[in-house]
Amino acid sequence: MKLQPDTFDVPAITGYGPGWLAVDRERIESSVVISSRGQRLAWNCGRFEDLTAGHFALLATLEAELVIFGSGQRGRFPVAAWLQPLIARQIGLEAMDTAAACRTYNILAGEGRHVVAALLLEPPGNP
């Protein structure tokens, strides 16, 4: 699916599909963290099963209002104990499939909210 924002002063997700997404039209094929304040970090996990508490501790250091967690091709929730660093900093987390997370990030970032999208990109065909 291709997304076309009206205008963005923040990094925008301009397209996505199985195993890829585009940030400001730059194609990315591995899991990534995108901040509405312009940060972009590689997120070293290729499958939901690869996630650890460390992945979510990294997100807490970005001090966003909200983390949007794209859990891959289907909606899944992280282990509750892994969210402690976010809870300690009063940062909310919303979990959804990665396609929905891309759309949600664009809406909230476009409204000027300080959000972080942690997007798991699984290889195509990985359920």
Protein backbone atom coordinates (compact mmCIF):
# COMPACT_ATOMS: atom_id res chain seq x y z
CA MET A 1 0.00 0.00 0.00
CA LYS A 2 1.24 3.49 -0.76
CA LEU A 3 0.60 6.35 1.66
CA GLN A 4 0.65 9.98 0.59
CA PRO A 5 0.65 12.52 3.45
CA ASP A 6 -0.43 16.07 2.65
CA THR A 7 2.69 17.68 4.13
CA PHE A 8 4.96 16.53 6.91
CA ASP A 9 7.63 18.35 8.87
CA VAL A 10 8.52 15.02 10.51
CA PRO A 11 9.73 11.72 9.07
CA ALA A 12 6.76 10.10 7.31
CA ILE A 13 6.10 6.51 6.38
CA THR A 14 5.35 6.86 2.69
CA GLY A 15 4.70 3.20 1.84
CA TYR A 16 4.78 -0.33 3.21
CA GLY A 17 4.31 -3.93 2.22
CA PRO A 18 5.33 -7.43 3.34
CA GLY A 19 8.93 -7.19 4.58
CA TRP A 20 9.51 -3.50 3.77
CA LEU A 21 8.47 0.06 4.43
CA ALA A 22 9.55 3.44 3.13
CA VAL A 23 10.43 6.47 5.26
CA ASP A 24 10.32 9.63 3.18
CA ARG A 25 10.45 7.35 0.12
CA GLU A 26 13.61 5.56 1.28
CA ARG A 27 12.97 1.80 1.25
CA ILE A 28 13.84 -0.07 4.46
CA GLU A 29 13.84 -3.87 4.69
CA SER A 30 14.74 -4.48 8.33
CA SER A 31 13.08 -3.66 11.63
CA VAL A 32 13.39 0.01 12.53
CA VAL A 33 12.54 2.61 15.17
CA ILE A 34 11.34 5.96 13.85
CA SER A 35 10.81 9.04 16.02
CA SER A 36 8.69 12.02 15.05
CA ARG A 37 11.68 14.11 16.21
CA GLY A 38 13.78 12.75 13.36
CA GLN A 39 15.65 9.85 14.96
CA ARG A 40 15.84 6.58 13.09
CA LEU A 41 17.50 3.54 14.60
CA ALA A 42 17.98 -0.02 13.43
CA TRP A 43 15.98 -2.38 15.65
CA ASN A 44 17.90 -5.65 15.67
CA CYS A 45 15.06 -8.20 15.49
CA GLY A 46 13.75 -10.03 12.47
CA ARG A 47 10.94 -11.98 14.12
CA PHE A 48 8.61 -11.40 17.03
CA GLU A 49 10.27 -14.33 18.80
CA ASP A 50 13.62 -12.45 18.68
CA LEU A 51 12.37 -9.60 20.88
CA THR A 52 13.82 -9.13 24.37
CA ALA A 53 13.47 -6.71 27.26
CA GLY A 54 16.44 -4.79 25.82
CA HIS A 55 14.46 -3.87 22.71
CA PHE A 56 11.87 -2.10 24.86
CA ALA A 57 14.45 -0.53 27.21
CA LEU A 58 15.90 1.20 24.14
CA LEU A 59 12.49 2.68 23.34
CA ALA A 60 12.23 4.20 26.83
CA THR A 61 15.41 6.21 26.24
CA LEU A 62 13.72 8.11 23.39
CA GLU A 63 11.33 9.75 25.89
CA ALA A 64 8.29 9.88 23.61
CA GLU A 65 4.70 10.46 24.69
CA LEU A 66 3.71 7.17 23.10
CA VAL A 67 5.40 4.16 21.52
CA ILE A 68 3.55 2.53 18.67
CA PHE A 69 4.70 -1.08 18.45
CA GLY A 70 4.21 -2.74 15.08
CA SER A 71 4.40 -6.44 15.89
CA GLY A 72 4.79 -7.79 12.35
CA GLN A 73 2.18 -9.22 10.04
CA ARG A 74 -0.31 -9.81 12.85
CA GLY A 75 -1.12 -8.09 16.13
CA ARG A 76 0.76 -9.44 19.14
CA PHE A 77 1.65 -8.02 22.55
CA PRO A 78 5.11 -7.93 24.16
CA VAL A 79 5.77 -9.61 27.48
CA ALA A 80 4.40 -7.27 30.17
CA ALA A 81 7.62 -7.31 32.23
CA TRP A 82 9.53 -5.90 29.24
CA LEU A 83 7.47 -2.70 29.42
CA GLN A 84 8.76 -1.69 32.86
CA PRO A 85 11.24 0.92 31.53
CA LEU A 86 8.40 2.58 29.60
CA ILE A 87 6.04 2.45 32.57
CA ALA A 88 8.71 3.97 34.84
CA ARG A 89 8.92 6.98 32.48
CA GLN A 90 5.14 7.16 32.00
CA ILE A 91 5.39 6.36 28.31
CA GLY A 92 2.39 4.59 26.82
CA LEU A 93 2.63 1.70 24.37
CA GLU A 94 0.08 0.66 21.77
CA ALA A 95 0.60 -2.70 20.06
CA MET A 96 -0.82 -3.52 16.63
CA ASP A 97 0.30 -5.14 13.39
CA THR A 98 3.01 -3.23 11.53
CA ALA A 99 0.71 -1.97 8.75
CA ALA A 100 -1.65 -0.39 11.30
CA ALA A 101 1.33 0.99 13.23
CA CYS A 102 2.58 2.75 10.08
CA ARG A 103 -0.77 4.45 9.56
CA THR A 104 -1.13 5.36 13.25
CA TYR A 105 2.38 6.82 13.41
CA ASN A 106 1.67 9.07 10.41
CA ILE A 107 -1.55 10.38 11.93
CA LEU A 108 -0.06 11.13 15.36
CA ALA A 109 3.24 12.50 14.06
CA GLY A 110 1.31 14.67 11.60
CA GLU A 111 -0.62 16.12 14.55
CA GLY A 112 2.66 17.21 16.11
CA ARG A 113 2.73 14.51 18.80
CA HIS A 114 6.11 13.16 19.96
CA VAL A 115 5.68 9.50 19.05
CA VAL A 116 8.03 6.65 18.34
CA ALA A 117 7.17 3.79 15.99
CA ALA A 118 8.98 0.52 16.72
CA LEU A 119 8.29 -1.49 13.60
CA LEU A 120 9.02 -5.19 13.30
CA LEU A 121 9.58 -6.15 9.66
CA GLU A 122 9.33 -9.89 9.25
CA PRO A 123 10.34 -11.70 6.09
CA PRO A 124 7.36 -12.10 3.72
CA GLY A 125 5.37 -15.25 4.49
CA ASN A 126 6.43 -15.38 8.17
CA PRO A 127 3.14 -15.63 10.12
